[in-house]
């Protein structure tokens, strides 16, 4: 069967309207076409207008449908462009090599031409770059940026440049702190910001207070020699919970802790102390330092400590929170790394999160500047501590 061009069909139909009644078949034969074809073409044209004669595989559309279809295509095209921008902008800011890498990684999802247009990359530049070999330096930079990003998110945005550097060096990367910070700026990676928090210690009492014998000597020559303790509040969906910790100043390990809904001694300092003595044995004299809060200065807790002949109590001076700086520093990091920017949890969910933070993160994986950027486990292994 003979095929006719779209332009021929459209011209034939328009001319046919100039024929008189009964002359349509004669006109068709003059054009050398079957009259039945002309009748069919006229019906299509009257229904679809300029949307007629689209060919196989192309739907016939009325003028209204054609407008809607065109709008839908534009919307789809805009969505694709927006997605390319969302994913690709950060790579463009990192230079030509990373831009090319982004295009190569996404060409199965987006057309190369579309990505070049949206990201405003010259087609000539892209294909010239594609022909060139990536230098060893460029490959190394790409690898480092990927490693930095991986560590940053692995540790839940808690690490800044220095700790990421130490973590990478521990994994075998040879990289300087200045380079890591430079690449983090390029990648837009920033650690969670610490915030100041309200002090909740209530020292307005006449209980069993003692002098500050620690006197801000925040180091210890061996484990079980100096412990610091403190309490902080955490907001949940239904009110506050209270976290009590006992920290060994030798390796900064949380040897005892407890999360409670009330502030009584039986739910705060006492269970935290019991966990501490269970986890780390007191062999020689121990200095137990805290603030003057009633949970530490009341008779119940004082009797427990005094019953151990190896324990000497020490307390911060009234209103001087720097006397218990190690615990204050822990709470600042704890709230910045676990709580800032996260939604409120139930008390049950918070207990799980606190456990994960202390036992699986802080005591095992977190790198501590005080320990030369080693983890507590690495530090204890060197000093044969279990």
Protein backbone atom coordinates (compact mmCIF):
# COMPACT_ATOMS: atom_id res chain seq x y z
CA UNK A 1 0.00 0.00 0.00
CA UNK A 2 1.32 3.41 -1.06
CA UNK A 3 2.29 5.81 1.75
CA UNK A 4 1.56 9.53 1.59
CA UNK A 5 3.42 12.32 3.32
CA UNK A 6 1.65 14.26 6.04
CA UNK A 7 1.99 17.53 4.10
CA UNK A 8 0.37 15.92 1.03
CA UNK A 9 -2.58 14.65 3.05
CA UNK A 10 -3.15 18.02 4.70
CA UNK A 11 -2.92 19.91 1.39
CA UNK A 12 -5.29 17.44 -0.33
CA UNK A 13 -7.89 17.84 2.42
CA UNK A 14 -7.76 21.65 2.34
CA UNK A 15 -8.13 21.70 -1.48
CA UNK A 16 -11.03 19.25 -1.31
CA UNK A 17 -13.13 21.81 0.53
CA UNK A 18 -13.11 23.95 -2.64
CA UNK A 19 -14.84 21.21 -4.66
CA UNK A 20 -18.57 21.31 -5.29
CA UNK A 21 -21.01 18.62 -4.24
CA UNK A 22 -20.48 15.36 -6.10
CA UNK A 23 -16.99 16.38 -7.24
CA UNK A 24 -15.00 14.87 -4.33
CA UNK A 25 -14.46 11.44 -5.94
CA UNK A 26 -13.42 13.06 -9.25
CA UNK A 27 -11.00 15.36 -7.39
CA UNK A 28 -9.47 12.39 -5.56
CA UNK A 29 -8.87 10.52 -8.83
CA UNK A 30 -7.21 13.61 -10.33
CA UNK A 31 -4.78 13.56 -7.40
CA UNK A 32 -4.19 9.87 -8.06
CA UNK A 33 -5.60 8.66 -4.75
CA UNK A 34 -8.48 6.42 -3.79
CA UNK A 35 -11.59 8.52 -2.92
CA UNK A 36 -11.97 6.41 0.25
CA UNK A 37 -8.61 7.69 1.47
CA UNK A 38 -9.68 11.30 0.95
CA UNK A 39 -12.96 10.78 2.83
CA UNK A 40 -10.99 9.22 5.73
CA UNK A 41 -8.44 12.05 5.74
CA UNK A 42 -11.18 14.67 5.85
CA UNK A 43 -12.78 12.98 8.88
CA UNK A 44 -9.42 12.93 10.73
CA UNK A 45 -8.74 16.57 9.89
CA UNK A 46 -12.20 17.70 11.04
CA UNK A 47 -11.68 15.93 14.38
CA UNK A 48 -8.02 16.55 15.15
CA UNK A 49 -7.06 19.54 13.01
CA UNK A 50 -3.27 20.05 13.02
CA UNK A 51 -2.96 16.94 15.18
CA UNK A 52 -3.96 14.73 12.25
CA UNK A 53 -1.72 12.43 10.20
CA UNK A 54 0.85 11.93 13.00
CA UNK A 55 1.95 8.55 11.77
CA UNK A 56 2.19 5.16 13.46
CA UNK A 57 3.09 5.29 17.16
CA UNK A 58 1.95 8.91 17.63
CA UNK A 59 -1.49 9.47 19.18
CA UNK A 60 -3.99 11.70 17.45
CA UNK A 61 -4.82 14.71 19.61
CA UNK A 62 -7.44 17.41 19.43
CA UNK A 63 -6.06 20.97 19.66
CA UNK A 64 -7.09 21.06 23.34
CA UNK A 65 -5.45 17.70 23.99
CA UNK A 66 -2.30 18.87 22.21
CA UNK A 67 -2.05 21.92 24.51
CA UNK A 68 -2.48 19.71 27.60
CA UNK A 69 0.08 17.22 26.29
CA UNK A 70 2.57 19.99 25.65
CA UNK A 71 2.08 21.36 29.18
CA UNK A 72 2.55 17.89 30.67
CA UNK A 73 5.81 17.51 28.76
CA UNK A 74 7.03 20.87 30.07
CA UNK A 75 6.13 19.90 33.66
CA UNK A 76 7.93 16.58 33.30
CA UNK A 77 10.93 18.34 31.81
CA UNK A 78 10.96 20.84 34.71
CA UNK A 79 10.86 18.03 37.27
CA UNK A 80 13.80 16.31 35.60
CA UNK A 81 15.75 19.58 35.52
CA UNK A 82 15.02 20.18 39.22
CA UNK A 83 16.18 16.68 40.15
CA UNK A 84 19.41 17.13 38.18
CA UNK A 85 20.02 20.44 39.96
CA UNK A 86 19.36 18.93 43.40
CA UNK A 87 21.78 16.10 42.81
CA UNK A 88 24.39 17.77 40.67
CA UNK A 89 24.92 21.31 41.98
CA UNK A 90 27.30 20.25 44.76
CA UNK A 91 29.43 18.35 42.23
CA UNK A 92 29.68 21.35 39.92
CA UNK A 93 31.00 23.43 42.83
CA UNK A 94 33.78 20.85 43.29
CA UNK A 95 35.22 21.29 39.81
CA UNK A 96 35.21 19.77 36.34
CA UNK A 97 36.38 16.31 37.37
CA UNK A 98 33.56 15.83 39.88
CA UNK A 99 31.00 17.27 37.42
CA UNK A 100 32.08 14.76 34.79
CA UNK A 101 31.89 12.00 37.39
CA UNK A 102 28.32 13.01 38.27
CA UNK A 103 27.27 12.97 34.61
CA UNK A 104 28.87 9.56 34.05
CA UNK A 105 27.19 8.12 37.15
CA UNK A 106 23.71 9.38 36.16
CA UNK A 107 23.63 8.99 32.37
CA UNK A 108 21.46 5.88 32.68
CA UNK A 109 18.76 7.99 34.34
CA UNK A 110 19.10 11.35 32.55
CA UNK A 111 20.23 12.22 29.05
CA UNK A 112 23.73 13.65 28.82
CA UNK A 113 22.44 16.58 26.78
CA UNK A 114 19.87 17.42 29.45
CA UNK A 115 22.44 17.29 32.28
CA UNK A 116 24.87 19.47 30.32
CA UNK A 117 22.13 22.02 29.66
CA UNK A 118 20.81 22.16 33.23
CA UNK A 119 24.25 22.27 34.85
CA UNK A 120 25.41 24.83 32.27
CA UNK A 121 28.36 22.72 31.17
CA UNK A 122 29.70 23.20 27.66
CA UNK A 123 29.21 20.13 25.48
CA UNK A 124 32.65 20.72 23.96
CA UNK A 125 34.25 20.91 27.39
CA UNK A 126 32.52 17.74 28.55
CA UNK A 127 33.49 15.59 25.58
CA UNK A 128 37.02 16.97 25.55
CA UNK A 129 37.26 16.10 29.25
CA UNK A 130 35.81 12.67 28.58
CA UNK A 131 38.56 11.90 26.08
CA UNK A 132 41.27 12.88 28.56
CA UNK A 133 42.59 10.50 31.18
CA UNK A 134 41.86 11.50 34.78
CA UNK A 135 45.17 12.22 36.45
CA UNK A 136 46.35 10.29 39.50
CA UNK A 137 45.92 13.45 41.59
CA UNK A 138 42.32 13.90 40.44
CA UNK A 139 41.55 10.25 41.16
CA UNK A 140 43.05 10.57 44.64
CA UNK A 141 41.05 13.73 45.38
CA UNK A 142 37.82 12.03 44.26
CA UNK A 143 38.62 9.04 46.49
CA UNK A 144 39.43 11.29 49.48
CA UNK A 145 36.23 13.29 49.09
CA UNK A 146 34.22 10.09 48.98
CA UNK A 147 36.03 8.75 52.08
CA UNK A 148 35.51 12.02 54.00
CA UNK A 149 31.81 12.04 53.15
CA UNK A 150 31.50 8.40 54.16
CA UNK A 151 33.11 8.97 57.59
CA UNK A 152 31.09 12.15 58.13
CA UNK A 153 27.76 10.36 57.71
CA UNK A 154 28.95 7.11 59.30
CA UNK A 155 29.47 9.01 62.55
CA UNK A 156 26.17 10.89 62.16
CA UNK A 157 27.69 14.34 61.46
CA UNK A 158 29.27 14.35 64.94
CA UNK A 159 32.88 14.71 63.74
CA UNK A 160 34.66 17.86 62.63
CA UNK A 161 37.76 17.97 60.44
CA UNK A 162 40.31 16.94 63.09
CA UNK A 163 38.51 13.78 64.15
CA UNK A 164 37.70 12.81 60.57
CA UNK A 165 41.42 13.21 59.78
CA UNK A 166 42.37 10.91 62.66
CA UNK A 167 39.76 8.35 61.61
CA UNK A 168 41.00 8.35 58.01
CA UNK A 169 44.63 8.07 59.12
CA UNK A 170 43.66 5.14 61.31
CA UNK A 171 42.17 3.51 58.21
CA UNK A 172 45.39 3.92 56.25
CA UNK A 173 44.86 7.24 54.45
CA UNK A 174 47.79 9.64 54.28
CA UNK A 175 46.12 13.02 54.59
CA UNK A 176 46.61 16.25 56.54
CA UNK A 177 44.05 17.93 58.73
CA UNK A 178 44.18 21.07 56.57
CA UNK A 179 43.28 19.04 53.46
CA UNK A 180 40.33 17.37 55.17
CA UNK A 181 38.98 20.74 56.33
CA UNK A 182 39.41 22.18 52.83
CA UNK A 183 37.52 19.30 51.21
CA UNK A 184 34.81 19.46 53.88
CA UNK A 185 34.25 23.14 53.03
CA UNK A 186 34.02 22.24 49.34
CA UNK A 187 31.56 19.45 50.12
CA UNK A 188 29.52 21.62 52.50
CA UNK A 189 30.01 19.20 55.43
CA UNK A 190 29.78 20.73 58.90
CA UNK A 191 29.64 19.00 62.27
CA UNK A 192 26.69 19.50 64.57
CA UNK A 193 27.08 22.73 66.55
CA UNK A 194 27.36 22.53 70.32
CA UNK A 195 24.98 24.59 72.41
CA UNK A 196 25.06 25.84 75.97
CA UNK A 197 22.60 24.27 78.36
CA UNK A 198 20.96 25.36 81.60
CA UNK A 199 22.55 24.12 84.81
CA UNK A 200 20.10 22.10 86.94
CA UNK A 201 22.12 21.48 90.12
CA UNK A 202 20.29 22.29 93.34
CA UNK A 203 22.88 23.01 96.02
CA UNK A 204 20.54 24.90 98.34
CA UNK A 205 20.70 22.45 101.23
CA UNK A 206 22.62 21.69 104.42
CA UNK A 207 23.57 18.09 103.70
CA UNK A 208 26.97 16.38 103.74
CA UNK A 209 29.17 18.59 101.59
CA UNK A 210 32.95 18.20 101.39
CA UNK A 211 35.87 20.31 100.07
CA UNK A 212 37.10 20.23 96.50
CA UNK A 213 40.10 17.93 96.96
CA UNK A 214 40.26 17.20 93.21
CA UNK A 215 41.12 20.89 92.65
CA UNK A 216 40.69 20.66 88.87
CA UNK A 217 43.31 17.92 88.43
CA UNK A 218 41.37 16.27 85.60
CA UNK A 219 43.87 13.51 84.84
CA UNK A 220 44.56 10.18 86.50
CA UNK A 221 47.58 7.90 86.27
CA UNK A 222 45.52 4.71 86.30
CA UNK A 223 41.90 3.53 86.11
CA UNK A 224 39.75 3.51 89.22
CA UNK A 225 41.69 6.40 90.75
CA UNK A 226 39.48 9.44 89.98
CA UNK A 227 35.82 9.38 88.99
CA UNK A 228 33.64 12.37 88.15
CA UNK A 229 29.86 12.34 88.23
CA UNK A 230 27.01 14.64 87.27
CA UNK A 231 23.31 14.75 86.29
CA UNK A 232 21.61 16.45 83.33
CA UNK A 233 18.07 16.66 82.03
CA UNK A 234 16.78 15.52 78.61
CA UNK A 235 13.45 16.61 77.15
CA UNK A 236 11.14 13.93 75.71
CA UNK A 237 7.64 14.00 74.26
CA UNK A 238 6.20 13.56 77.76
CA UNK A 239 8.34 15.55 80.14
CA UNK A 240 11.98 15.24 81.18
CA UNK A 241 14.24 12.31 81.95
CA UNK A 242 17.48 12.61 83.91
CA UNK A 243 20.83 11.14 82.90
CA UNK A 244 23.38 10.43 85.62
CA UNK A 245 26.92 9.46 84.59
CA UNK A 246 30.11 8.34 86.31
CA UNK A 247 33.26 9.01 84.25
CA UNK A 248 36.70 7.58 84.91
CA UNK A 249 39.14 10.45 84.36
CA UNK A 250 41.89 8.05 83.31
CA UNK A 251 40.36 7.11 79.94
CA UNK A 252 37.15 9.19 79.99
CA UNK A 253 35.06 6.04 79.90
CA UNK A 254 31.48 6.16 81.19
CA UNK A 255 31.79 3.36 83.74
CA UNK A 256 28.34 3.92 85.22
CA UNK A 257 25.14 5.64 84.12
CA UNK A 258 21.40 5.64 84.65
CA UNK A 259 18.39 7.24 82.95
CA UNK A 260 15.42 8.00 85.20
CA UNK A 261 12.09 9.81 85.21
CA UNK A 262 12.63 11.16 88.73
CA UNK A 263 15.45 12.96 90.53
CA UNK A 264 15.61 10.86 93.69
CA UNK A 265 18.93 9.39 94.83
CA UNK A 266 17.53 5.87 94.37
CA UNK A 267 16.92 6.59 90.66
CA UNK A 268 19.95 8.74 89.81
CA UNK A 269 23.29 8.59 91.65
CA UNK A 270 22.82 5.27 93.43
CA UNK A 271 22.22 3.02 90.37
CA UNK A 272 24.92 4.88 88.40
CA UNK A 273 27.41 4.25 91.26
CA UNK A 274 26.38 0.57 91.49
CA UNK A 275 27.00 0.11 87.75
CA UNK A 276 30.37 1.85 88.03
CA UNK A 277 31.72 -0.37 90.82
CA UNK A 278 30.46 -3.41 88.93
CA UNK A 279 32.16 -2.37 85.68
CA UNK A 280 35.47 -1.16 87.15
CA UNK A 281 37.02 -2.44 90.33
CA UNK A 282 38.37 -0.03 92.95
CA UNK A 283 41.73 -1.39 94.08
CA UNK A 284 43.42 1.67 95.55
CA UNK A 285 42.10 4.93 96.91
CA UNK A 286 39.44 6.53 94.67
CA UNK A 287 38.50 10.20 94.56
CA UNK A 288 34.80 10.51 93.72
CA UNK A 289 34.11 14.06 92.54
CA UNK A 290 30.70 15.66 91.94
CA UNK A 291 28.86 18.93 92.35
CA UNK A 292 26.97 19.80 95.54
CA UNK A 293 23.61 18.56 94.28
CA UNK A 294 21.35 17.00 96.89
CA UNK A 295 21.56 13.63 95.11
CA UNK A 296 25.28 13.50 96.00
CA UNK A 297 25.19 15.22 99.39
CA UNK A 298 22.30 13.40 101.09
CA UNK A 299 22.83 10.80 103.81
CA UNK A 300 21.81 7.77 101.71
CA UNK A 301 24.42 8.32 99.02
CA UNK A 302 27.05 9.60 101.45
CA UNK A 303 26.71 6.46 103.57
CA UNK A 304 27.17 4.25 100.51
CA UNK A 305 30.43 6.01 99.56
CA UNK A 306 31.69 6.18 103.15
CA UNK A 307 31.10 2.45 103.60
CA UNK A 308 33.95 1.89 101.15
CA UNK A 309 37.22 2.65 102.93
CA UNK A 310 38.97 3.35 99.62
CA UNK A 311 36.65 6.21 98.56
CA UNK A 312 37.31 9.89 99.27
CA UNK A 313 34.57 12.34 98.39
CA UNK A 314 35.25 15.63 96.58
CA UNK A 315 32.79 18.36 95.57
CA UNK A 316 32.89 21.42 93.35
CA UNK A 317 32.81 24.79 95.00
CA UNK A 318 29.37 26.33 95.19
CA UNK A 319 28.31 27.83 91.86
CA UNK A 320 31.64 26.91 90.20
CA UNK A 321 30.76 24.47 87.44
CA UNK A 322 34.26 24.47 85.96
CA UNK A 323 35.33 22.38 88.97
CA UNK A 324 33.49 19.49 87.31
CA UNK A 325 34.56 20.32 83.75
CA UNK A 326 34.95 16.74 82.47
CA UNK A 327 31.32 15.89 83.13
CA UNK A 328 30.15 19.27 81.84
CA UNK A 329 32.13 18.69 78.64
CA UNK A 330 30.61 15.23 78.21
CA UNK A 331 27.07 16.57 78.53
CA UNK A 332 27.78 19.33 76.02
CA UNK A 333 29.04 16.78 73.47
CA UNK A 334 26.25 14.33 74.31
CA UNK A 335 23.50 16.88 73.65
CA UNK A 336 25.14 18.27 70.53
CA UNK A 337 25.81 14.85 69.00
CA UNK A 338 22.61 13.07 70.00
CA UNK A 339 19.89 15.65 70.57
CA UNK A 340 20.49 18.81 68.49
CA UNK A 341 18.38 18.85 65.31
CA UNK A 342 16.54 15.62 66.14
CA UNK A 343 12.84 15.29 66.91
CA UNK A 344 11.58 14.60 70.42
CA UNK A 345 11.31 10.94 71.40
CA UNK A 346 9.27 8.97 73.91
CA UNK A 347 10.99 8.07 77.17
CA UNK A 348 11.31 4.45 76.01
CA UNK A 349 12.87 5.49 72.70
CA UNK A 350 15.22 7.87 74.50
CA UNK A 351 16.51 5.08 76.73
CA UNK A 352 17.44 3.07 73.63
CA UNK A 353 19.16 6.10 72.05
CA UNK A 354 21.13 6.88 75.24
CA UNK A 355 22.25 3.26 75.52
CA UNK A 356 23.40 3.23 71.89
CA UNK A 357 25.22 6.54 72.33
CA UNK A 358 27.09 5.64 75.53
CA UNK A 359 27.78 1.94 75.11
CA UNK A 360 28.20 1.60 71.35
CA UNK A 361 29.39 5.06 70.35
CA UNK A 362 31.06 7.04 73.13
CA UNK A 363 32.75 4.13 74.94
CA UNK A 364 33.79 2.29 71.76
CA UNK A 365 33.93 4.28 68.53
CA UNK A 366 34.20 7.97 69.37
CA UNK A 367 37.67 9.54 69.04
CA UNK A 368 38.66 11.65 72.04
CA UNK A 369 41.05 14.57 71.75
CA UNK A 370 42.14 13.96 75.37
CA UNK A 371 43.30 10.46 74.37
CA UNK A 372 45.30 11.70 71.39
CA UNK A 373 42.29 11.10 69.12
CA UNK A 374 42.19 7.42 69.99
CA UNK A 375 38.98 5.63 70.88
CA UNK A 376 38.62 4.50 74.49
CA UNK A 377 39.00 0.89 73.35
CA UNK A 378 42.24 1.69 71.48
CA UNK A 379 43.59 3.64 74.47
CA UNK A 380 42.68 0.88 76.95
CA UNK A 381 44.23 -1.77 74.72
CA UNK A 382 47.56 0.09 74.82
CA UNK A 383 47.33 0.25 78.62
CA UNK A 384 46.05 -3.34 78.89
CA UNK A 385 42.78 -2.25 80.54
CA UNK A 386 39.72 -4.46 80.29
